Structure formats: C-alpha cells, structure tokens
C-alpha cells in the first residue's frame, strides 16, 4: 500500500511540472541603421528619450563608431521622442537632432506566466534637420525580431 501511495505521489509531482516558454528578452527593440553618404559616425553618439512622466533617460550612452543601434520602444505612449546628441571626439562641437516615431501599441499575450508584452506598428516618423537629412521606415512591424532594420537614418555629409 505504501508503495502505491509513493508511486501516485511521484506521478502527481511529475505531472505538476510545466514548461514556461516565455521569451528570454521580452523587451521590444527597434533597430536603426545609418544609410546614405554617412554609414558610420566618427562622433560620439548619445540618445535620450522623454518618458511619459516628463523625465528623460539615457537609452544609448556615448557610443563610438556607430553604424546601427537598437533601442527599446515605449508601450505607454503613441509617440517616442529620441534626442540624438553627437559630440566630436575632441569635444569641439556638439550637434543635436530629435526624431519622433509615431506608432501603435498592440498587446501581445503568450501565457499567464509571461504577462502581456507590446508589439508596435510604426505609422510615421518626423525629425529635425540639423544633421539629419531624412529618416525612412524600412519595416513597420516591431516585435521580438530585431535582426532587421526598422528605420534608416540618413545624415547629411556636410554636417558630418
């Protein structure tokens, strides 16, 4: 009788185990790639953003020789504001531009254990033109796959 109770206990314990297939990285990143005449910056690039509560935070801190970068997208706002600061490595000049990415926030549910994540569809993009010539949308849908560039940034060569 003890043997049967032991076997039933082991069987119940093994069936109670489950596998949770939550993504290891559940933050959605958009990938930005430099295109056109300037495909790599010799400047030091810092990118900040404005949060929903009005405070700012650094997303990319003093990256050198940037040719592309990945940044997280917000899920509480319909527009992400990115402030790009380019510093010459010798400290002689600072140039700033701002990019506004308009998007939708779509809840993505995988399981109760994982919680809700948000995917995005980029609907538009605006920018200042101090050093940026244009910003174009390459892929509108932003999800866990950050292997493809979502936005192309074209810097003006004379501003480089």
N, C-alpha and C. Protein backbone atom coordinates (compact mmCIF):
# COMPACT_ATOMS: atom_id res chain seq x y z
N UNK A 1 0.82 -1.19 0.00
CA UNK A 1 0.00 0.00 0.00
C UNK A 1 0.87 1.26 0.00
N UNK A 2 1.95 1.25 0.82
CA UNK A 2 2.85 2.40 0.84
C UNK A 2 3.50 2.60 -0.52
N UNK A 3 3.81 1.51 -1.16
CA UNK A 3 4.44 1.57 -2.47
C UNK A 3 3.52 2.27 -3.49
N UNK A 4 2.25 1.97 -3.46
CA UNK A 4 1.27 2.57 -4.38
C UNK A 4 1.13 4.07 -4.08
N UNK A 5 1.06 4.43 -2.81
CA UNK A 5 0.95 5.85 -2.44
C UNK A 5 2.20 6.61 -2.89
N UNK A 6 3.36 6.00 -2.73
CA UNK A 6 4.61 6.62 -3.18
C UNK A 6 4.60 6.84 -4.70
N UNK A 7 4.18 5.85 -5.46
CA UNK A 7 4.12 5.95 -6.92
C UNK A 7 3.12 7.02 -7.34
N UNK A 8 1.97 7.06 -6.71
CA UNK A 8 0.96 8.09 -7.03
C UNK A 8 1.53 9.48 -6.73
N UNK A 9 2.23 9.62 -5.61
CA UNK A 9 2.84 10.91 -5.26
C UNK A 9 3.87 11.35 -6.29
N UNK A 10 4.70 10.43 -6.73
CA UNK A 10 5.71 10.76 -7.75
C UNK A 10 5.05 11.14 -9.06
N UNK A 11 4.03 10.40 -9.47
CA UNK A 11 3.32 10.70 -10.72
C UNK A 11 2.67 12.08 -10.64
N UNK A 12 2.02 12.40 -9.53
CA UNK A 12 1.39 13.71 -9.36
C UNK A 12 2.42 14.83 -9.37
N UNK A 13 3.55 14.61 -8.74
CA UNK A 13 4.61 15.63 -8.72
C UNK A 13 5.16 15.88 -10.12
N UNK A 14 5.35 14.83 -10.89
CA UNK A 14 5.88 14.99 -12.25
C UNK A 14 4.88 15.66 -13.18
N UNK A 15 3.60 15.37 -13.01
CA UNK A 15 2.60 15.99 -13.88
C UNK A 15 2.34 17.43 -13.49
N UNK A 16 2.72 17.83 -12.29
CA UNK A 16 2.53 19.21 -11.86
C UNK A 16 3.56 20.14 -12.48
N UNK A 17 4.66 19.60 -12.94
CA UNK A 17 5.70 20.42 -13.57
C UNK A 17 5.23 20.86 -14.95
N UNK A 18 5.54 22.10 -15.28
CA UNK A 18 5.20 22.58 -16.62
C UNK A 18 6.37 23.38 -17.16
N UNK A 19 6.37 23.54 -18.42
CA UNK A 19 7.42 24.30 -19.09
C UNK A 19 6.84 25.65 -19.50
N UNK A 20 7.48 26.72 -19.09
CA UNK A 20 7.04 28.05 -19.45
C UNK A 20 7.94 28.52 -20.59
N UNK A 21 7.33 28.82 -21.72
CA UNK A 21 8.10 29.23 -22.89
C UNK A 21 8.07 30.73 -23.08
N UNK A 22 8.37 31.47 -22.04
CA UNK A 22 8.44 32.92 -22.15
C UNK A 22 9.75 33.30 -22.84
N UNK A 23 9.73 34.33 -23.67
CA UNK A 23 10.97 34.77 -24.30
C UNK A 23 11.98 35.22 -23.23
N UNK A 24 13.24 34.96 -23.47
CA UNK A 24 14.26 35.39 -22.52
C UNK A 24 14.32 36.90 -22.44
N UNK A 25 14.18 37.56 -23.57
CA UNK A 25 14.18 39.01 -23.61
C UNK A 25 12.81 39.45 -24.09
N UNK A 26 11.98 39.94 -23.19
CA UNK A 26 10.63 40.30 -23.59
C UNK A 26 10.47 41.79 -23.84
N UNK A 27 11.57 42.50 -24.03
CA UNK A 27 11.52 43.90 -24.40
C UNK A 27 11.60 44.00 -25.91
N UNK A 28 10.79 44.86 -26.48
CA UNK A 28 10.75 45.00 -27.93
C UNK A 28 11.69 46.14 -28.32
N UNK A 29 12.63 45.84 -29.21
CA UNK A 29 13.61 46.82 -29.66
C UNK A 29 13.40 47.14 -31.13
N UNK A 30 13.56 48.42 -31.47
CA UNK A 30 13.58 48.83 -32.87
C UNK A 30 15.04 49.00 -33.25
N UNK A 31 15.38 48.59 -34.46
CA UNK A 31 16.76 48.70 -34.94
C UNK A 31 16.86 49.86 -35.92
N UNK A 32 17.85 50.71 -35.72
CA UNK A 32 18.11 51.88 -36.55
C UNK A 32 19.42 51.65 -37.27
N UNK A 33 19.47 51.97 -38.55
CA UNK A 33 20.69 51.77 -39.35
C UNK A 33 21.01 53.06 -40.09
N UNK A 34 22.29 53.43 -40.11
CA UNK A 34 22.74 54.59 -40.85
C UNK A 34 22.89 54.21 -42.31
N UNK A 35 22.36 55.04 -43.19
CA UNK A 35 22.38 54.77 -44.62
C UNK A 35 22.83 56.04 -45.35
N UNK A 36 23.04 55.91 -46.65
CA UNK A 36 23.40 57.06 -47.48
C UNK A 36 24.88 57.35 -47.45
N UNK A 37 25.22 58.65 -47.50
CA UNK A 37 26.62 59.07 -47.54
C UNK A 37 27.37 58.78 -46.24
N UNK A 38 26.67 58.85 -45.12
CA UNK A 38 27.30 58.62 -43.81
C UNK A 38 26.76 57.31 -43.25
N UNK A 39 27.55 56.25 -43.33
CA UNK A 39 27.11 54.94 -42.83
C UNK A 39 27.78 54.56 -41.51
N UNK A 40 28.68 55.43 -41.04
CA UNK A 40 29.35 55.21 -39.75
C UNK A 40 29.73 56.56 -39.18
N UNK A 41 29.38 56.80 -37.92
CA UNK A 41 29.69 58.08 -37.28
C UNK A 41 31.07 58.03 -36.63
N UNK A 42 31.85 59.06 -36.86
CA UNK A 42 33.11 59.18 -36.13
C UNK A 42 32.88 59.95 -34.83
N UNK A 43 31.70 60.58 -34.70
CA UNK A 43 31.33 61.29 -33.48
C UNK A 43 30.92 60.31 -32.39
N UNK A 44 30.81 60.82 -31.18
CA UNK A 44 30.29 60.06 -30.05
C UNK A 44 28.78 60.32 -30.00
N UNK A 45 27.99 59.26 -30.02
CA UNK A 45 26.53 59.38 -30.10
C UNK A 45 25.89 59.01 -28.76
N UNK A 46 25.05 59.92 -28.26
CA UNK A 46 24.24 59.67 -27.07
C UNK A 46 22.79 59.91 -27.44
N UNK A 47 21.90 59.00 -27.02
CA UNK A 47 20.48 59.14 -27.32
C UNK A 47 19.70 59.10 -26.01
N UNK A 48 18.87 60.11 -25.82
CA UNK A 48 17.98 60.16 -24.66
C UNK A 48 16.54 60.16 -25.15
N UNK A 49 15.62 59.88 -24.24
CA UNK A 49 14.20 59.93 -24.58
C UNK A 49 13.45 60.58 -23.44
N UNK A 50 12.26 61.07 -23.76
CA UNK A 50 11.38 61.67 -22.75
C UNK A 50 10.34 60.63 -22.37
N UNK A 51 10.24 60.35 -21.09
CA UNK A 51 9.27 59.37 -20.59
C UNK A 51 7.89 60.01 -20.49
N UNK A 52 6.89 59.18 -20.22
CA UNK A 52 5.51 59.65 -20.11
C UNK A 52 5.34 60.65 -18.97
N UNK A 53 6.14 60.53 -17.91
CA UNK A 53 6.02 61.45 -16.77
C UNK A 53 6.81 62.74 -16.97
N UNK A 54 7.43 62.91 -18.14
CA UNK A 54 8.15 64.14 -18.44
C UNK A 54 9.63 64.10 -18.13
N UNK A 55 10.11 63.07 -17.45
CA UNK A 55 11.54 62.96 -17.16
C UNK A 55 12.25 62.35 -18.37
N UNK A 56 13.55 62.51 -18.40
CA UNK A 56 14.29 61.91 -19.51
C UNK A 56 15.20 60.80 -18.98
N UNK A 57 15.62 59.96 -19.91
CA UNK A 57 16.51 58.86 -19.56
C UNK A 57 17.44 58.57 -20.74
N UNK A 58 18.61 58.08 -20.45
CA UNK A 58 19.59 57.75 -21.49
C UNK A 58 19.32 56.34 -22.02
N UNK A 59 19.18 56.22 -23.33
CA UNK A 59 18.99 54.92 -23.97
C UNK A 59 20.29 54.38 -24.56
N UNK A 60 21.13 55.28 -25.05
CA UNK A 60 22.41 54.90 -25.65
C UNK A 60 23.43 55.91 -25.15
N UNK A 61 24.48 55.45 -24.49
CA UNK A 61 25.40 56.36 -23.82
C UNK A 61 26.77 56.34 -24.49
N UNK A 62 27.08 57.41 -25.19
CA UNK A 62 28.41 57.67 -25.76
C UNK A 62 28.93 56.52 -26.61
N UNK A 63 28.14 56.09 -27.57
CA UNK A 63 28.60 55.04 -28.49
C UNK A 63 29.51 55.66 -29.54
N UNK A 64 30.64 55.01 -29.77
CA UNK A 64 31.58 55.47 -30.79
C UNK A 64 31.50 54.57 -32.01
N UNK A 65 31.77 55.15 -33.17
CA UNK A 65 31.78 54.42 -34.44
C UNK A 65 30.46 53.70 -34.71
N UNK A 66 29.37 54.37 -34.43
CA UNK A 66 28.04 53.76 -34.61
C UNK A 66 27.69 53.66 -36.09
N UNK A 67 27.24 52.48 -36.49
CA UNK A 67 26.67 52.31 -37.83
C UNK A 67 25.23 51.82 -37.73
N UNK A 68 24.86 51.32 -36.56
CA UNK A 68 23.48 50.92 -36.27
C UNK A 68 23.35 50.81 -34.75
N UNK A 69 22.11 50.78 -34.29
CA UNK A 69 21.86 50.62 -32.86
C UNK A 69 20.42 50.16 -32.66
N UNK A 70 20.18 49.54 -31.51
CA UNK A 70 18.85 49.06 -31.15
C UNK A 70 18.39 49.79 -29.90
N UNK A 71 17.14 50.27 -29.92
CA UNK A 71 16.59 50.98 -28.78
C UNK A 71 15.23 50.40 -28.42
N UNK A 72 14.91 50.34 -27.12
CA UNK A 72 13.59 49.85 -26.73
C UNK A 72 12.51 50.84 -27.11
N UNK A 73 11.32 50.32 -27.37
CA UNK A 73 10.17 51.18 -27.68
C UNK A 73 9.27 51.23 -26.45
N UNK A 74 8.66 52.38 -26.24
CA UNK A 74 7.74 52.52 -25.11
C UNK A 74 6.42 51.84 -25.45
N UNK A 75 5.67 51.46 -24.42
CA UNK A 75 4.36 50.86 -24.67
C UNK A 75 3.23 51.72 -24.10
N UNK A 76 3.57 52.82 -23.46
CA UNK A 76 2.55 53.68 -22.86
C UNK A 76 2.28 54.95 -23.65
N UNK A 77 3.05 55.19 -24.69
CA UNK A 77 2.90 56.40 -25.48
C UNK A 77 2.72 56.03 -26.95
N UNK A 78 2.04 56.89 -27.69
CA UNK A 78 1.88 56.64 -29.12
C UNK A 78 2.98 57.28 -29.94
N UNK A 79 3.80 58.12 -29.30
CA UNK A 79 4.94 58.75 -29.98
C UNK A 79 6.16 58.62 -29.09
N UNK A 80 7.24 58.08 -29.64
CA UNK A 80 8.53 58.03 -28.95
C UNK A 80 9.38 59.19 -29.44
N UNK A 81 9.96 59.93 -28.51
CA UNK A 81 10.81 61.07 -28.85
C UNK A 81 12.26 60.71 -28.52
N UNK A 82 13.10 60.70 -29.54
CA UNK A 82 14.52 60.38 -29.36
C UNK A 82 15.35 61.63 -29.60
N UNK A 83 16.17 61.99 -28.64
CA UNK A 83 17.05 63.16 -28.75
C UNK A 83 18.47 62.65 -29.00
N UNK A 84 18.98 62.89 -30.20
CA UNK A 84 20.32 62.44 -30.58
C UNK A 84 21.31 63.57 -30.35
N UNK A 85 22.38 63.28 -29.62
CA UNK A 85 23.45 64.24 -29.39
C UNK A 85 24.73 63.66 -29.95
N UNK A 86 25.34 64.42 -30.87
CA UNK A 86 26.61 63.99 -31.48
C UNK A 86 27.71 64.92 -31.00
N UNK A 87 28.69 64.37 -30.31
CA UNK A 87 29.84 65.14 -29.82
C UNK A 87 31.07 64.75 -30.62
N UNK A 88 31.82 65.74 -31.04
CA UNK A 88 33.12 65.44 -31.65
C UNK A 88 34.00 64.79 -30.60
N UNK A 89 34.84 63.87 -31.01
CA UNK A 89 35.68 63.16 -30.05
C UNK A 89 36.66 64.09 -29.34
N UNK A 90 37.02 65.21 -29.99
CA UNK A 90 37.91 66.17 -29.33
C UNK A 90 37.13 67.18 -28.49
N UNK A 91 35.79 67.06 -28.44
CA UNK A 91 34.97 67.95 -27.63
C UNK A 91 34.72 69.31 -28.23
N UNK A 92 35.08 69.52 -29.49
CA UNK A 92 34.99 70.84 -30.10
C UNK A 92 33.59 71.25 -30.53
N UNK A 93 32.69 70.31 -30.72
CA UNK A 93 31.38 70.66 -31.26
C UNK A 93 30.33 69.66 -30.78
N UNK A 94 29.15 70.19 -30.52
CA UNK A 94 28.01 69.36 -30.14
C UNK A 94 26.87 69.68 -31.09
N UNK A 95 26.27 68.62 -31.64
CA UNK A 95 25.12 68.80 -32.55
C UNK A 95 23.98 67.92 -32.09
N UNK A 96 22.77 68.47 -32.19
CA UNK A 96 21.60 67.74 -31.69
C UNK A 96 20.51 67.66 -32.75
N UNK A 97 19.81 66.54 -32.75
CA UNK A 97 18.62 66.34 -33.57
C UNK A 97 17.61 65.56 -32.75
N UNK A 98 16.35 65.66 -33.15
CA UNK A 98 15.28 64.92 -32.48
C UNK A 98 14.50 64.14 -33.52
N UNK A 99 14.16 62.90 -33.18
CA UNK A 99 13.33 62.05 -34.04
C UNK A 99 12.08 61.68 -33.24
N UNK A 100 10.91 61.84 -33.87
CA UNK A 100 9.65 61.42 -33.27
C UNK A 100 9.13 60.23 -34.06
N UNK A 101 8.90 59.12 -33.39
CA UNK A 101 8.39 57.91 -34.04
C UNK A 101 6.94 57.71 -33.60
N UNK A 102 6.04 57.81 -34.56
CA UNK A 102 4.61 57.59 -34.27
C UNK A 102 4.32 56.12 -34.47
N UNK A 103 3.54 55.54 -33.54
CA UNK A 103 3.35 54.09 -33.57
C UNK A 103 2.07 53.70 -32.86
N UNK A 104 1.65 52.48 -33.12
CA UNK A 104 0.56 51.88 -32.35
C UNK A 104 1.17 50.90 -31.36
N UNK A 105 0.49 50.68 -30.26
CA UNK A 105 0.93 49.74 -29.22
C UNK A 105 -0.07 48.60 -29.17
N UNK A 106 0.35 47.41 -29.56
CA UNK A 106 -0.55 46.26 -29.65
C UNK A 106 -0.17 45.24 -28.59
N UNK A 107 -1.08 44.96 -27.63
CA UNK A 107 -0.77 43.96 -26.61
C UNK A 107 -0.54 42.59 -27.23
N UNK A 108 0.47 41.90 -26.74
CA UNK A 108 0.81 40.57 -27.23
C UNK A 108 0.85 39.64 -26.02
N UNK A 109 -0.09 38.70 -25.97
CA UNK A 109 -0.22 37.79 -24.84
C UNK A 109 0.25 36.40 -25.24
N UNK A 110 1.18 35.84 -24.46
CA UNK A 110 1.67 34.49 -24.74
C UNK A 110 1.16 33.48 -23.73
N UNK A 111 1.23 33.81 -22.45
CA UNK A 111 0.71 32.93 -21.42
C UNK A 111 0.57 33.73 -20.13
N UNK A 112 -0.14 33.16 -19.18
CA UNK A 112 -0.34 33.82 -17.89
C UNK A 112 1.00 34.01 -17.18
N UNK A 113 1.90 33.07 -17.35
CA UNK A 113 3.21 33.15 -16.69
C UNK A 113 4.08 34.26 -17.25
N UNK A 114 3.88 34.61 -18.52
CA UNK A 114 4.75 35.60 -19.17
C UNK A 114 4.25 37.02 -19.00
N UNK A 115 2.96 37.21 -18.86
CA UNK A 115 2.42 38.56 -18.80
C UNK A 115 2.22 39.11 -20.21
N UNK A 116 1.75 40.35 -20.26
CA UNK A 116 1.47 40.99 -21.55
C UNK A 116 2.69 41.78 -21.99
N UNK A 117 3.07 41.64 -23.23
CA UNK A 117 4.10 42.45 -23.85
C UNK A 117 3.44 43.26 -24.96
N UNK A 118 4.16 44.18 -25.53
CA UNK A 118 3.59 45.03 -26.57
C UNK A 118 4.44 44.97 -27.82
N UNK A 119 3.78 44.72 -28.94
CA UNK A 119 4.39 44.87 -30.25
C UNK A 119 3.93 46.21 -30.80
N UNK A 120 4.58 46.69 -31.86
CA UNK A 120 4.28 48.02 -32.36
C UNK A 120 4.21 48.01 -33.89
N UNK A 121 3.44 48.95 -34.41
CA UNK A 121 3.42 49.22 -35.84
C UNK A 121 3.80 50.69 -36.00
N UNK A 122 4.89 50.95 -36.69
CA UNK A 122 5.33 52.33 -36.91
C UNK A 122 4.43 52.94 -37.98
N UNK A 123 3.80 54.07 -37.64
CA UNK A 123 2.86 54.71 -38.56
C UNK A 123 3.43 55.98 -39.18
N UNK A 124 4.47 56.53 -38.59
CA UNK A 124 5.06 57.74 -39.16
C UNK A 124 6.32 58.12 -38.41
N UNK A 125 7.09 59.00 -39.03
CA UNK A 125 8.33 59.48 -38.41
C UNK A 125 8.57 60.93 -38.83
N UNK A 126 8.98 61.75 -37.85
CA UNK A 126 9.36 63.15 -38.10
C UNK A 126 10.73 63.39 -37.47
N UNK A 127 11.40 64.45 -37.90
CA UNK A 127 12.73 64.72 -37.33
C UNK A 127 13.11 66.17 -37.56
N UNK A 128 14.04 66.66 -36.75
CA UNK A 128 14.65 67.95 -37.03
C UNK A 128 15.75 67.73 -38.06
N UNK A 129 16.26 68.80 -38.63
CA UNK A 129 17.20 68.66 -39.75
C UNK A 129 18.52 69.38 -39.53
N UNK A 130 19.02 69.36 -38.32
CA UNK A 130 20.32 69.99 -38.07
C UNK A 130 21.44 69.18 -38.73
N UNK A 131 21.44 67.87 -38.51
CA UNK A 131 22.44 67.00 -39.15
C UNK A 131 21.78 65.84 -39.89
N UNK A 132 20.49 65.63 -39.66
CA UNK A 132 19.77 64.54 -40.32
C UNK A 132 19.15 65.04 -41.61
N UNK A 133 19.39 64.32 -42.69
CA UNK A 133 18.76 64.63 -43.97
C UNK A 133 17.36 64.03 -44.02
N UNK A 134 17.24 62.75 -43.66
CA UNK A 134 15.93 62.09 -43.67
C UNK A 134 15.96 60.84 -42.81
N UNK A 135 14.77 60.39 -42.45
CA UNK A 135 14.58 59.13 -41.73
C UNK A 135 13.46 58.40 -42.45
N UNK A 136 13.71 57.16 -42.86
CA UNK A 136 12.69 56.40 -43.59
C UNK A 136 12.36 55.11 -42.84
N UNK A 137 11.15 54.65 -43.06
CA UNK A 137 10.69 53.40 -42.45
C UNK A 137 11.03 52.25 -43.39
N UNK A 138 11.77 51.27 -42.90
CA UNK A 138 12.10 50.09 -43.68
C UNK A 138 11.13 48.95 -43.37
N UNK A 139 10.85 48.73 -42.09
CA UNK A 139 9.92 47.68 -41.67
C UNK A 139 9.03 48.26 -40.58
N UNK A 140 7.73 48.27 -40.82
CA UNK A 140 6.79 48.90 -39.89
C UNK A 140 6.53 48.09 -38.63
N UNK A 141 6.51 46.77 -38.74
CA UNK A 141 6.15 45.92 -37.61
C UNK A 141 7.36 45.66 -36.72
N UNK A 142 7.23 46.02 -35.44
CA UNK A 142 8.31 45.84 -34.48
C UNK A 142 7.85 44.80 -33.46
N UNK A 143 8.60 43.70 -33.38
CA UNK A 143 8.30 42.63 -32.43
C UNK A 143 9.61 42.15 -31.82
N UNK A 144 9.68 40.91 -31.40
CA UNK A 144 10.91 40.41 -30.78
C UNK A 144 12.08 40.31 -31.76
N UNK A 145 11.82 40.29 -33.05
CA UNK A 145 12.87 40.12 -34.06
C UNK A 145 13.52 41.46 -34.37
N UNK A 146 14.69 41.70 -33.81
CA UNK A 146 15.42 42.94 -34.07
C UNK A 146 16.56 42.71 -35.05
N UNK A 147 16.51 41.62 -35.81
CA UNK A 147 17.58 41.34 -36.76
C UNK A 147 17.46 42.20 -38.01
N UNK A 148 16.29 42.71 -38.29
CA UNK A 148 16.08 43.55 -39.47
C UNK A 148 15.99 45.01 -39.02
N UNK A 149 16.51 45.91 -39.84
CA UNK A 149 16.46 47.34 -39.51
C UNK A 149 15.05 47.87 -39.75
N UNK A 150 14.52 48.55 -38.75
CA UNK A 150 13.18 49.12 -38.86
C UNK A 150 13.21 50.52 -39.45
N UNK A 151 14.21 51.31 -39.08
CA UNK A 151 14.32 52.69 -39.56
C UNK A 151 15.72 52.94 -40.11
N UNK A 152 15.76 53.67 -41.22
CA UNK A 152 17.03 54.10 -41.80
C UNK A 152 17.21 55.58 -41.51
N UNK A 153 18.39 55.95 -41.02
CA UNK A 153 18.72 57.35 -40.75
C UNK A 153 19.76 57.79 -41.76
N UNK A 154 19.48 58.88 -42.45
CA UNK A 154 20.39 59.45 -43.44
C UNK A 154 20.92 60.77 -42.87
N UNK A 155 22.20 60.80 -42.51
CA UNK A 155 22.83 62.04 -42.05
C UNK A 155 23.38 62.80 -43.26
N UNK A 156 23.34 64.13 -43.18
CA UNK A 156 23.93 64.96 -44.24
C UNK A 156 25.45 64.87 -44.15
N UNK A 157 26.08 64.71 -45.29
CA UNK A 157 27.54 64.57 -45.31
C UNK A 157 28.23 65.86 -44.86
N UNK A 158 27.74 67.01 -45.28
CA UNK A 158 28.38 68.27 -44.91
C UNK A 158 28.26 68.55 -43.41
N UNK A 159 27.27 67.96 -42.74
CA UNK A 159 27.13 68.15 -41.30
C UNK A 159 27.96 67.14 -40.52
N UNK A 160 28.54 66.21 -41.21
CA UNK A 160 29.30 65.15 -40.58
C UNK A 160 30.64 65.67 -40.15
